């Protein structure tokens, strides 16, 4: 199960980082301020933190 948790956590984390890069560059073209962009992308930050803890649990869990 720990390999599954690691794969799930890292997969979600990677997708969120990719989405953050795409969304921040596209929102930058709409002339939004840095604060507005960070407010819009805040849910992605929370999902990144959760996926980090999922991957960390997979690494630390011993069977």
PDB file of N, CA and C in Angstrom:
ATOM      1  N   UNK A   1       0.812  -1.196   0.000  1.00  0.00           N
ATOM      2  CA  UNK A   1       0.000   0.000   0.000  1.00  0.00           C
ATOM      3  C   UNK A   1       0.856   1.261   0.000  1.00  0.00           C
ATOM      4  N   UNK A   2       2.059   1.196   0.572  1.00  0.00           N
ATOM      5  CA  UNK A   2       2.869   2.409   0.617  1.00  0.00           C
ATOM      6  C   UNK A   2       3.320   2.851  -0.770  1.00  0.00           C
ATOM      7  N   UNK A   3       3.544   1.910  -1.697  1.00  0.00           N
ATOM      8  CA  UNK A   3       3.896   2.294  -3.061  1.00  0.00           C
ATOM      9  C   UNK A   3       2.720   2.982  -3.741  1.00  0.00           C
ATOM     10  N   UNK A   4       1.519   2.530  -3.418  1.00  0.00           N
ATOM     11  CA  UNK A   4       0.323   3.154  -3.975  1.00  0.00           C
ATOM     12  C   UNK A   4       0.179   4.576  -3.455  1.00  0.00           C
ATOM     13  N   UNK A   5       0.414   4.771  -2.164  1.00  0.00           N
ATOM     14  CA  UNK A   5       0.323   6.117  -1.596  1.00  0.00           C
ATOM     15  C   UNK A   5       1.373   7.043  -2.186  1.00  0.00           C
ATOM     16  N   UNK A   6       2.567   6.532  -2.377  1.00  0.00           N
ATOM     17  CA  UNK A   6       3.630   7.350  -2.967  1.00  0.00           C
ATOM     18  C   UNK A   6       3.264   7.738  -4.392  1.00  0.00           C
ATOM     19  N   UNK A   7       2.815   6.777  -5.180  1.00  0.00           N
ATOM     20  CA  UNK A   7       2.443   7.052  -6.567  1.00  0.00           C
ATOM     21  C   UNK A   7       1.274   8.028  -6.644  1.00  0.00           C
ATOM     22  N   UNK A   8       0.290   7.843  -5.786  1.00  0.00           N
ATOM     23  CA  UNK A   8      -0.872   8.735  -5.768  1.00  0.00           C
ATOM     24  C   UNK A   8      -0.464  10.147  -5.371  1.00  0.00           C
ATOM     25  N   UNK A   9       0.300  10.261  -4.299  1.00  0.00           N
ATOM     26  CA  UNK A   9       0.719  11.582  -3.829  1.00  0.00           C
ATOM     27  C   UNK A   9       1.582  12.311  -4.828  1.00  0.00           C
ATOM     28  N   UNK A  10       2.560  11.633  -5.382  1.00  0.00           N
ATOM     29  CA  UNK A  10       3.458  12.273  -6.344  1.00  0.00           C
ATOM     30  C   UNK A  10       2.716  12.601  -7.639  1.00  0.00           C
ATOM     31  N   UNK A  11       1.813  11.732  -8.043  1.00  0.00           N
ATOM     32  CA  UNK A  11       1.019  12.001  -9.254  1.00  0.00           C
ATOM     33  C   UNK A  11       0.157  13.237  -9.107  1.00  0.00           C
ATOM     34  N   UNK A  12      -0.556  13.338  -7.998  1.00  0.00           N
ATOM     35  CA  UNK A  12      -1.398  14.508  -7.754  1.00  0.00           C
ATOM     36  C   UNK A  12      -0.535  15.759  -7.636  1.00  0.00           C
ATOM     37  N   UNK A  13       0.578  15.633  -6.935  1.00  0.00           N
ATOM     38  CA  UNK A  13       1.482  16.763  -6.744  1.00  0.00           C
ATOM     39  C   UNK A  13       1.998  17.265  -8.091  1.00  0.00           C
ATOM     40  N   UNK A  14       2.400  16.359  -8.962  1.00  0.00           N
ATOM     41  CA  UNK A  14       2.897  16.742 -10.280  1.00  0.00           C
ATOM     42  C   UNK A  14       1.848  17.426 -11.133  1.00  0.00           C
ATOM     43  N   UNK A  15       0.636  16.903 -11.094  1.00  0.00           N
ATOM     44  CA  UNK A  15      -0.443  17.512 -11.867  1.00  0.00           C
ATOM     45  C   UNK A  15      -0.749  18.911 -11.348  1.00  0.00           C
ATOM     46  N   UNK A  16      -0.764  19.085 -10.037  1.00  0.00           N
ATOM     47  CA  UNK A  16      -1.044  20.399  -9.466  1.00  0.00           C
ATOM     48  C   UNK A  16       0.058  21.405  -9.801  1.00  0.00           C
ATOM     49  N   UNK A  17       1.309  20.970  -9.799  1.00  0.00           N
ATOM     50  CA  UNK A  17       2.405  21.869 -10.183  1.00  0.00           C
ATOM     51  C   UNK A  17       2.293  22.282 -11.645  1.00  0.00           C
ATOM     52  N   UNK A  18       1.923  21.337 -12.498  1.00  0.00           N
ATOM     53  CA  UNK A  18       1.733  21.639 -13.912  1.00  0.00           C
ATOM     54  C   UNK A  18       0.569  22.613 -14.102  1.00  0.00           C
ATOM     55  N   UNK A  19      -0.545  22.363 -13.409  1.00  0.00           N
ATOM     56  CA  UNK A  19      -1.692  23.267 -13.510  1.00  0.00           C
ATOM     57  C   UNK A  19      -1.358  24.651 -12.973  1.00  0.00           C
ATOM     58  N   UNK A  20      -0.584  24.716 -11.884  1.00  0.00           N
ATOM     59  CA  UNK A  20      -0.191  26.018 -11.336  1.00  0.00           C
ATOM     60  C   UNK A  20       0.620  26.795 -12.369  1.00  0.00           C
ATOM     61  N   UNK A  21       1.547  26.121 -13.043  1.00  0.00           N
ATOM     62  CA  UNK A  21       2.369  26.788 -14.055  1.00  0.00           C
ATOM     63  C   UNK A  21       1.494  27.287 -15.207  1.00  0.00           C
ATOM     64  N   UNK A  22       0.603  26.451 -15.688  1.00  0.00           N
ATOM     65  CA  UNK A  22      -0.258  26.832 -16.815  1.00  0.00           C
ATOM     66  C   UNK A  22      -1.200  27.964 -16.429  1.00  0.00           C
ATOM     67  N   UNK A  23      -1.860  27.820 -15.269  1.00  0.00           N
ATOM     68  CA  UNK A  23      -2.824  28.837 -14.855  1.00  0.00           C
ATOM     69  C   UNK A  23      -2.154  30.161 -14.517  1.00  0.00           C
ATOM     70  N   UNK A  24      -1.000  30.124 -13.863  1.00  0.00           N
ATOM     71  CA  UNK A  24      -0.347  31.383 -13.502  1.00  0.00           C
ATOM     72  C   UNK A  24       0.129  32.128 -14.743  1.00  0.00           C
ATOM     73  N   UNK A  25       0.614  31.405 -15.737  1.00  0.00           N
ATOM     74  CA  UNK A  25       1.050  32.087 -16.960  1.00  0.00           C
ATOM     75  C   UNK A  25      -0.141  32.623 -17.746  1.00  0.00           C
ATOM     76  N   UNK A  26      -1.245  31.884 -17.778  1.00  0.00           N
ATOM     77  CA  UNK A  26      -2.409  32.377 -18.505  1.00  0.00           C
ATOM     78  C   UNK A  26      -3.096  33.519 -17.759  1.00  0.00           C
ATOM     79  N   UNK A  27      -3.106  33.468 -16.423  1.00  0.00           N
ATOM     80  CA  UNK A  27      -3.710  34.557 -15.658  1.00  0.00           C
ATOM     81  C   UNK A  27      -2.824  35.802 -15.682  1.00  0.00           C
ATOM     82  N   UNK A  28      -1.535  35.628 -15.867  1.00  0.00           N
ATOM     83  CA  UNK A  28      -0.642  36.779 -15.988  1.00  0.00           C
ATOM     84  C   UNK A  28      -0.917  37.581 -17.242  1.00  0.00           C
ATOM     85  N   UNK A  29      -1.412  36.928 -18.272  1.00  0.00           N
ATOM     86  CA  UNK A  29      -1.741  37.615 -19.519  1.00  0.00           C
ATOM     87  C   UNK A  29      -3.029  38.393 -19.452  1.00  0.00           C
ATOM     88  N   UNK A  30      -3.796  38.226 -18.379  1.00  0.00           N
ATOM     89  CA  UNK A  30      -5.079  38.910 -18.227  1.00  0.00           C
ATOM     90  C   UNK A  30      -4.912  40.198 -17.413  1.00  0.00           C
ATOM     91  N   UNK A  31      -3.678  40.545 -17.112  1.00  0.00           N
ATOM     92  CA  UNK A  31      -3.345  41.752 -16.355  1.00  0.00           C
ATOM     93  C   UNK A  31      -3.899  41.734 -14.936  1.00  0.00           C
ATOM     94  N   UNK A  32      -3.802  40.599 -14.278  1.00  0.00           N
ATOM     95  CA  UNK A  32      -4.162  40.510 -12.871  1.00  0.00           C
ATOM     96  C   UNK A  32      -2.920  40.757 -12.028  1.00  0.00           C
ATOM     97  N   UNK A  33      -3.120  41.248 -10.825  1.00  0.00           N
ATOM     98  CA  UNK A  33      -1.979  41.473  -9.934  1.00  0.00           C
ATOM     99  C   UNK A  33      -1.509  40.131  -9.367  1.00  0.00           C
ATOM    100  N   UNK A  34      -0.324  40.143  -8.788  1.00  0.00           N
ATOM    101  CA  UNK A  34       0.236  38.918  -8.204  1.00  0.00           C
ATOM    102  C   UNK A  34      -0.637  38.424  -7.057  1.00  0.00           C
ATOM    103  N   UNK A  35      -1.205  39.340  -6.291  1.00  0.00           N
ATOM    104  CA  UNK A  35      -2.090  38.971  -5.171  1.00  0.00           C
ATOM    105  C   UNK A  35      -3.356  38.307  -5.691  1.00  0.00           C
ATOM    106  N   UNK A  36      -3.933  38.818  -6.750  1.00  0.00           N
ATOM    107  CA  UNK A  36      -5.144  38.225  -7.322  1.00  0.00           C
ATOM    108  C   UNK A  36      -4.856  36.834  -7.878  1.00  0.00           C
ATOM    109  N   UNK A  37      -3.706  36.669  -8.525  1.00  0.00           N
ATOM    110  CA  UNK A  37      -3.340  35.358  -9.066  1.00  0.00           C
ATOM    111  C   UNK A  37      -3.136  34.362  -7.935  1.00  0.00           C
ATOM    112  N   UNK A  38      -2.459  34.777  -6.865  1.00  0.00           N
ATOM    113  CA  UNK A  38      -2.249  33.856  -5.740  1.00  0.00           C
ATOM    114  C   UNK A  38      -3.559  33.516  -5.047  1.00  0.00           C
ATOM    115  N   UNK A  39      -4.497  34.457  -4.990  1.00  0.00           N
ATOM    116  CA  UNK A  39      -5.810  34.171  -4.405  1.00  0.00           C
ATOM    117  C   UNK A  39      -6.588  33.167  -5.255  1.00  0.00           C
ATOM    118  N   UNK A  40      -6.491  33.296  -6.560  1.00  0.00           N
ATOM    119  CA  UNK A  40      -7.189  32.373  -7.452  1.00  0.00           C
ATOM    120  C   UNK A  40      -6.584  30.974  -7.364  1.00  0.00           C
ATOM    121  N   UNK A  41      -5.263  30.881  -7.251  1.00  0.00           N
ATOM    122  CA  UNK A  41      -4.572  29.589  -7.247  1.00  0.00           C
ATOM    123  C   UNK A  41      -4.426  28.984  -5.854  1.00  0.00           C
ATOM    124  N   UNK A  42      -5.014  29.601  -4.832  1.00  0.00           N
ATOM    125  CA  UNK A  42      -4.902  29.095  -3.461  1.00  0.00           C
ATOM    126  C   UNK A  42      -5.423  27.665  -3.299  1.00  0.00           C
ATOM    127  N   UNK A  43      -6.547  27.279  -3.925  1.00  0.00           N
ATOM    128  CA  UNK A  43      -6.986  25.878  -3.790  1.00  0.00           C
ATOM    129  C   UNK A  43      -5.956  24.873  -4.314  1.00  0.00           C
ATOM    130  N   UNK A  44      -5.210  25.238  -5.344  1.00  0.00           N
ATOM    131  CA  UNK A  44      -4.161  24.343  -5.842  1.00  0.00           C
ATOM    132  C   UNK A  44      -3.065  24.158  -4.800  1.00  0.00           C
ATOM    133  N   UNK A  45      -2.780  25.207  -4.040  1.00  0.00           N
ATOM    134  CA  UNK A  45      -1.776  25.111  -2.986  1.00  0.00           C
ATOM    135  C   UNK A  45      -2.209  24.129  -1.910  1.00  0.00           C
ATOM    136  N   UNK A  46      -3.469  24.186  -1.533  1.00  0.00           N
ATOM    137  CA  UNK A  46      -3.987  23.267  -0.516  1.00  0.00           C
ATOM    138  C   UNK A  46      -3.916  21.829  -1.021  1.00  0.00           C
ATOM    139  N   UNK A  47      -4.276  21.602  -2.279  1.00  0.00           N
ATOM    140  CA  UNK A  47      -4.216  20.252  -2.840  1.00  0.00           C
ATOM    141  C   UNK A  47      -2.771  19.769  -2.908  1.00  0.00           C
ATOM    142  N   UNK A  48      -1.825  20.661  -3.218  1.00  0.00           N
ATOM    143  CA  UNK A  48      -0.407  20.291  -3.234  1.00  0.00           C
ATOM    144  C   UNK A  48       0.061  19.858  -1.852  1.00  0.00           C
ATOM    145  N   UNK A  49      -0.360  20.565  -0.822  1.00  0.00           N
ATOM    146  CA  UNK A  49       0.037  20.221   0.541  1.00  0.00           C
ATOM    147  C   UNK A  49      -0.534  18.871   0.938  1.00  0.00           C
ATOM    148  N   UNK A  50      -1.798  18.619   0.607  1.00  0.00           N
ATOM    149  CA  UNK A  50      -2.420  17.329   0.922  1.00  0.00           C
ATOM    150  C   UNK A  50      -1.711  16.196   0.185  1.00  0.00           C
ATOM    151  N   UNK A  51      -1.395  16.402  -1.084  1.00  0.00           N
ATOM    152  CA  UNK A  51      -0.716  15.356  -1.845  1.00  0.00           C
ATOM    153  C   UNK A  51       0.702  15.114  -1.320  1.00  0.00           C
ATOM    154  N   UNK A  52       1.354  16.157  -0.822  1.00  0.00           N
ATOM    155  CA  UNK A  52       2.662  15.987  -0.205  1.00  0.00           C
ATOM    156  C   UNK A  52       2.556  15.085   1.018  1.00  0.00           C
ATOM    157  N   UNK A  53       1.552  15.307   1.844  1.00  0.00           N
ATOM    158  CA  UNK A  53       1.379  14.477   3.030  1.00  0.00           C
ATOM    159  C   UNK A  53       0.992  13.038   2.678  1.00  0.00           C
ATOM    160  N   UNK A  54       0.249  12.850   1.595  1.00  0.00           N
ATOM    161  CA  UNK A  54      -0.070  11.490   1.137  1.00  0.00           C
ATOM    162  C   UNK A  54       1.210  10.772   0.727  1.00  0.00           C
ATOM    163  N   UNK A  55       2.056  11.463  -0.048  1.00  0.00           N
ATOM    164  CA  UNK A  55       3.323  10.853  -0.460  1.00  0.00           C
ATOM    165  C   UNK A  55       4.229  10.609   0.736  1.00  0.00           C
ATOM    166  N   UNK A  56       4.258  11.525   1.662  1.00  0.00           N
ATOM    167  CA  UNK A  56       5.074  11.366   2.866  1.00  0.00           C
ATOM    168  C   UNK A  56       4.587  10.186   3.710  1.00  0.00           C
ATOM    169  N   UNK A  57       3.277  10.016   3.810  1.00  0.00           N
ATOM    170  CA  UNK A  57       2.734   8.873   4.553  1.00  0.00           C
ATOM    171  C   UNK A  57       3.121   7.574   3.877  1.00  0.00           C
ATOM    172  N   UNK A  58       3.135   7.558   2.545  1.00  0.00           N
ATOM    173  CA  UNK A  58       3.546   6.367   1.815  1.00  0.00           C
ATOM    174  C   UNK A  58       5.014   6.042   2.027  1.00  0.00           C
ATOM    175  N   UNK A  59       5.838   7.072   2.143  1.00  0.00           N
ATOM    176  CA  UNK A  59       7.262   6.850   2.355  1.00  0.00           C
ATOM    177  C   UNK A  59       7.522   6.357   3.776  1.00  0.00           C
ATOM    178  N   UNK A  60       6.850   6.931   4.748  1.00  0.00           N
ATOM    179  CA  UNK A  60       7.110   6.606   6.133  1.00  0.00           C
ATOM    180  C   UNK A  60       6.396   5.351   6.623  1.00  0.00           C
ATOM    181  N   UNK A  61       5.346   4.944   5.902  1.00  0.00           N
ATOM    182  CA  UNK A  61       4.576   3.779   6.335  1.00  0.00           C
ATOM    183  C   UNK A  61       5.385   2.507   6.081  1.00  0.00           C
ATOM    184  N   UNK A  62       5.414   1.658   7.069  1.00  0.00           N
ATOM    185  CA  UNK A  62       6.115   0.378   6.937  1.00  0.00           C
ATOM    186  C   UNK A  62       5.128  -0.744   7.081  1.00  0.00           C
ATOM    187  N   UNK A  63       5.293  -1.736   6.257  1.00  0.00           N
ATOM    188  CA  UNK A  63       4.386  -2.894   6.319  1.00  0.00           C
ATOM    189  C   UNK A  63       5.065  -4.043   7.011  1.00  0.00           C
TER     190      UNK A  63
END
